[in-house]
Amino acid sequence: MGCLKLTYNQAFETPLKVVYRTAAVEQKSVQGFLSVDPLADQRSWVSPYNFVQNNPLNRIDPDGRLDWVANREGEVYWDENATSQATTKTG
């Protein structure tokens, strides 16, 4: 594959249909990530290959490690009590 240069929050696709991101590596034919979440041991209820705890509409995950939520005004903040969808506040 050669030398690949990655920049923050950018993705690109190779001829092998592998998408490289700064937080994870995704393969289009599998429709999932090839790299394990670095905090997978702390989230046993989801796949270790998940991204944003499988909820991309209500969560963001800038570096693949944090539980961030948005309030009613759309402001994103860290909530240490957001450990699952049941405990995550929705705006």
N, C-alpha and C. Protein backbone atom coordinates (compact mmCIF):
# COMPACT_ATOMS: atom_id res chain seq x y z
N MET A 1 0.80 -1.19 0.00
CA MET A 1 0.00 0.00 0.00
C MET A 1 0.85 1.26 0.00
N GLY A 2 2.06 1.16 0.40
CA GLY A 2 2.91 2.34 0.42
C GLY A 2 2.69 3.19 1.64
N CYS A 3 3.28 4.36 1.61
CA CYS A 3 3.18 5.29 2.73
C CYS A 3 1.90 6.12 2.61
N LEU A 4 1.09 6.13 3.66
CA LEU A 4 -0.16 6.87 3.64
C LEU A 4 -0.09 8.02 4.62
N LYS A 5 -0.42 9.21 4.17
CA LYS A 5 -0.43 10.38 5.04
C LYS A 5 -1.86 10.64 5.50
N LEU A 6 -2.07 10.69 6.81
CA LEU A 6 -3.39 10.94 7.37
C LEU A 6 -3.43 12.31 8.01
N THR A 7 -4.52 13.01 7.82
CA THR A 7 -4.73 14.28 8.49
C THR A 7 -5.99 14.18 9.33
N TYR A 8 -6.13 15.06 10.31
CA TYR A 8 -7.24 14.99 11.25
C TYR A 8 -8.59 15.07 10.55
N ASN A 9 -9.47 14.13 10.90
CA ASN A 9 -10.87 14.14 10.47
C ASN A 9 -11.02 14.10 8.95
N GLN A 10 -10.13 13.38 8.30
CA GLN A 10 -10.20 13.28 6.85
C GLN A 10 -10.22 11.81 6.48
N ALA A 11 -10.90 11.47 5.42
CA ALA A 11 -10.97 10.08 4.98
C ALA A 11 -10.66 10.02 3.49
N PHE A 12 -10.07 8.90 3.06
CA PHE A 12 -9.85 8.68 1.65
C PHE A 12 -9.91 7.19 1.39
N GLU A 13 -10.20 6.82 0.16
CA GLU A 13 -10.40 5.44 -0.20
C GLU A 13 -9.27 4.97 -1.11
N THR A 14 -8.78 3.76 -0.88
CA THR A 14 -7.72 3.18 -1.69
C THR A 14 -8.34 2.30 -2.77
N PRO A 15 -7.55 1.83 -3.74
CA PRO A 15 -8.10 0.92 -4.76
C PRO A 15 -8.66 -0.38 -4.16
N LEU A 16 -8.23 -0.75 -2.98
CA LEU A 16 -8.73 -1.96 -2.32
C LEU A 16 -10.01 -1.71 -1.54
N LYS A 17 -10.60 -0.53 -1.69
CA LYS A 17 -11.84 -0.15 -1.02
C LYS A 17 -11.69 -0.12 0.50
N VAL A 18 -10.53 0.29 0.97
CA VAL A 18 -10.30 0.47 2.40
C VAL A 18 -10.28 1.97 2.65
N VAL A 19 -11.10 2.43 3.57
CA VAL A 19 -11.18 3.85 3.89
C VAL A 19 -10.36 4.10 5.14
N TYR A 20 -9.41 5.02 5.07
CA TYR A 20 -8.58 5.35 6.21
C TYR A 20 -9.09 6.62 6.86
N ARG A 21 -9.26 6.59 8.16
CA ARG A 21 -9.66 7.76 8.94
C ARG A 21 -8.66 7.88 10.09
N THR A 22 -8.65 9.03 10.74
CA THR A 22 -7.72 9.19 11.85
C THR A 22 -8.16 8.36 13.05
N ALA A 23 -9.44 8.10 13.22
CA ALA A 23 -9.92 7.37 14.39
C ALA A 23 -10.02 5.87 14.13
N ALA A 24 -10.25 5.45 12.89
CA ALA A 24 -10.47 4.04 12.62
C ALA A 24 -10.25 3.75 11.14
N VAL A 25 -10.16 2.46 10.82
CA VAL A 25 -10.02 2.01 9.44
C VAL A 25 -11.27 1.22 9.10
N GLU A 26 -11.88 1.52 7.97
CA GLU A 26 -13.14 0.91 7.57
C GLU A 26 -12.97 0.24 6.21
N GLN A 27 -13.54 -0.95 6.04
CA GLN A 27 -13.51 -1.61 4.74
C GLN A 27 -14.93 -1.63 4.18
N LYS A 28 -15.11 -1.09 2.97
CA LYS A 28 -16.44 -0.95 2.38
C LYS A 28 -17.14 -2.30 2.19
N SER A 29 -16.42 -3.35 1.78
CA SER A 29 -17.08 -4.62 1.51
C SER A 29 -17.61 -5.28 2.78
N VAL A 30 -17.07 -4.94 3.94
CA VAL A 30 -17.51 -5.52 5.20
C VAL A 30 -18.54 -4.64 5.88
N GLN A 31 -18.60 -3.37 5.50
CA GLN A 31 -19.48 -2.39 6.13
C GLN A 31 -19.22 -2.29 7.63
N GLY A 32 -17.97 -2.27 7.98
CA GLY A 32 -17.58 -2.13 9.37
C GLY A 32 -16.14 -1.68 9.47
N PHE A 33 -15.65 -1.55 10.68
CA PHE A 33 -14.28 -1.09 10.89
C PHE A 33 -13.34 -2.27 11.07
N LEU A 34 -12.12 -2.12 10.60
CA LEU A 34 -11.11 -3.16 10.73
C LEU A 34 -10.29 -3.01 12.00
N SER A 35 -10.34 -1.85 12.62
CA SER A 35 -9.56 -1.62 13.84
C SER A 35 -10.47 -1.67 15.06
N VAL A 36 -9.94 -2.22 16.14
CA VAL A 36 -10.71 -2.35 17.38
C VAL A 36 -10.72 -1.02 18.12
N ASP A 37 -11.87 -0.69 18.70
CA ASP A 37 -12.00 0.51 19.53
C ASP A 37 -11.00 0.41 20.68
N PRO A 38 -10.16 1.42 20.90
CA PRO A 38 -9.17 1.34 21.98
C PRO A 38 -9.80 1.24 23.37
N LEU A 39 -11.06 1.59 23.52
CA LEU A 39 -11.75 1.47 24.81
C LEU A 39 -12.79 0.36 24.78
N ALA A 40 -12.63 -0.64 23.92
CA ALA A 40 -13.62 -1.71 23.78
C ALA A 40 -13.85 -2.45 25.09
N ASP A 41 -12.84 -2.59 25.92
CA ASP A 41 -13.02 -3.30 27.19
C ASP A 41 -13.94 -2.55 28.14
N GLN A 42 -14.13 -1.26 27.94
CA GLN A 42 -15.02 -0.47 28.79
C GLN A 42 -16.45 -0.43 28.25
N ARG A 43 -16.65 -0.97 27.05
CA ARG A 43 -17.98 -0.95 26.42
C ARG A 43 -18.33 -2.36 25.94
N SER A 44 -18.53 -3.26 26.87
CA SER A 44 -18.76 -4.66 26.53
C SER A 44 -20.11 -4.90 25.86
N TRP A 45 -21.04 -3.95 25.94
CA TRP A 45 -22.37 -4.13 25.37
C TRP A 45 -22.43 -3.84 23.87
N VAL A 46 -21.35 -3.32 23.28
CA VAL A 46 -21.31 -3.07 21.84
C VAL A 46 -20.09 -3.77 21.25
N SER A 47 -20.09 -3.95 19.96
CA SER A 47 -18.99 -4.61 19.27
C SER A 47 -17.69 -3.83 19.47
N PRO A 48 -16.56 -4.52 19.60
CA PRO A 48 -15.28 -3.80 19.72
C PRO A 48 -14.91 -3.06 18.43
N TYR A 49 -15.63 -3.32 17.35
CA TYR A 49 -15.39 -2.65 16.08
C TYR A 49 -16.41 -1.55 15.81
N ASN A 50 -17.11 -1.10 16.84
CA ASN A 50 -18.16 -0.09 16.67
C ASN A 50 -17.58 1.31 16.51
N PHE A 51 -18.44 2.21 16.06
CA PHE A 51 -18.08 3.62 15.97
C PHE A 51 -19.25 4.42 16.54
N VAL A 52 -18.99 5.37 17.39
CA VAL A 52 -19.97 6.20 18.08
C VAL A 52 -21.07 5.35 18.71
N GLN A 53 -20.69 4.22 19.25
CA GLN A 53 -21.59 3.27 19.90
C GLN A 53 -22.79 2.94 19.01
N ASN A 54 -22.53 2.83 17.72
CA ASN A 54 -23.53 2.47 16.71
C ASN A 54 -24.71 3.44 16.67
N ASN A 55 -24.50 4.69 17.02
CA ASN A 55 -25.56 5.69 17.01
C ASN A 55 -25.02 6.99 16.41
N PRO A 56 -24.75 7.03 15.10
CA PRO A 56 -24.12 8.20 14.50
C PRO A 56 -25.01 9.44 14.44
N LEU A 57 -26.32 9.30 14.60
CA LEU A 57 -27.20 10.47 14.54
C LEU A 57 -27.21 11.25 15.84
N ASN A 58 -27.07 10.58 16.96
CA ASN A 58 -27.14 11.25 18.26
C ASN A 58 -25.80 11.40 18.95
N ARG A 59 -24.75 10.84 18.39
CA ARG A 59 -23.43 10.91 19.03
C ARG A 59 -22.38 11.39 18.04
N ILE A 60 -21.37 12.03 18.58
CA ILE A 60 -20.18 12.31 17.79
C ILE A 60 -19.02 11.68 18.54
N ASP A 61 -17.96 11.41 17.85
CA ASP A 61 -16.82 10.75 18.47
C ASP A 61 -15.55 11.24 17.79
N PRO A 62 -15.09 12.45 18.17
CA PRO A 62 -13.98 13.08 17.45
C PRO A 62 -12.72 12.23 17.34
N ASP A 63 -12.37 11.52 18.37
CA ASP A 63 -11.16 10.71 18.28
C ASP A 63 -11.42 9.24 18.60
N GLY A 64 -12.67 8.83 18.65
CA GLY A 64 -12.99 7.43 18.85
C GLY A 64 -12.96 6.97 20.29
N ARG A 65 -12.91 7.90 21.25
CA ARG A 65 -12.77 7.46 22.64
C ARG A 65 -13.77 8.06 23.61
N LEU A 66 -14.55 9.04 23.24
CA LEU A 66 -15.33 9.77 24.23
C LEU A 66 -16.84 9.67 24.03
N ASP A 67 -17.58 9.81 25.14
CA ASP A 67 -19.04 9.86 25.10
C ASP A 67 -19.48 11.31 25.20
N TRP A 68 -19.75 11.94 24.07
CA TRP A 68 -20.20 13.33 24.03
C TRP A 68 -21.68 13.33 23.70
N VAL A 69 -22.41 14.27 24.24
CA VAL A 69 -23.84 14.41 23.95
C VAL A 69 -24.14 15.86 23.62
N ALA A 70 -25.29 16.10 22.99
CA ALA A 70 -25.70 17.46 22.64
C ALA A 70 -26.93 17.84 23.44
N ASN A 71 -26.98 19.10 23.87
CA ASN A 71 -28.16 19.58 24.60
C ASN A 71 -29.18 20.13 23.61
N ARG A 72 -30.27 20.70 24.12
CA ARG A 72 -31.35 21.20 23.26
C ARG A 72 -30.91 22.33 22.34
N GLU A 73 -29.90 23.07 22.75
CA GLU A 73 -29.39 24.17 21.92
C GLU A 73 -28.40 23.68 20.87
N GLY A 74 -28.11 22.39 20.87
CA GLY A 74 -27.16 21.83 19.92
C GLY A 74 -25.72 21.90 20.37
N GLU A 75 -25.48 22.38 21.60
CA GLU A 75 -24.12 22.45 22.12
C GLU A 75 -23.67 21.06 22.56
N VAL A 76 -22.47 20.69 22.17
CA VAL A 76 -21.94 19.37 22.49
C VAL A 76 -21.11 19.47 23.76
N TYR A 77 -21.32 18.53 24.67
CA TYR A 77 -20.58 18.54 25.93
C TYR A 77 -20.33 17.11 26.40
N TRP A 78 -19.38 16.96 27.30
CA TRP A 78 -19.03 15.66 27.88
C TRP A 78 -19.96 15.37 29.04
N ASP A 79 -20.53 14.17 29.07
CA ASP A 79 -21.39 13.74 30.16
C ASP A 79 -20.86 12.41 30.67
N GLU A 80 -20.22 12.44 31.83
CA GLU A 80 -19.62 11.21 32.36
C GLU A 80 -20.66 10.16 32.72
N ASN A 81 -21.93 10.55 32.85
CA ASN A 81 -22.99 9.59 33.15
C ASN A 81 -23.61 8.97 31.91
N ALA A 82 -23.18 9.37 30.73
CA ALA A 82 -23.70 8.81 29.48
C ALA A 82 -22.96 7.52 29.18
N THR A 83 -23.43 6.44 29.76
CA THR A 83 -22.76 5.16 29.59
C THR A 83 -23.49 4.23 28.64
N SER A 84 -24.71 4.57 28.25
CA SER A 84 -25.49 3.80 27.29
C SER A 84 -26.58 4.70 26.73
N GLN A 85 -27.33 4.19 25.75
CA GLN A 85 -28.42 4.99 25.19
C GLN A 85 -29.46 5.29 26.25
N ALA A 86 -29.65 4.39 27.21
CA ALA A 86 -30.65 4.59 28.25
C ALA A 86 -30.29 5.75 29.18
N THR A 87 -29.00 6.03 29.36
CA THR A 87 -28.58 7.09 30.27
C THR A 87 -28.15 8.36 29.55
N THR A 88 -28.26 8.37 28.23
CA THR A 88 -27.88 9.54 27.45
C THR A 88 -29.06 10.48 27.31
N LYS A 89 -28.84 11.73 27.64
CA LYS A 89 -29.89 12.74 27.49
C LYS A 89 -30.05 13.09 26.01
N THR A 90 -31.27 13.30 25.58
CA THR A 90 -31.50 13.74 24.21
C THR A 90 -32.10 15.13 24.22
N GLY A 91 -31.67 15.96 23.28
CA GLY A 91 -32.15 17.33 23.21
C GLY A 91 -33.37 17.40 22.43
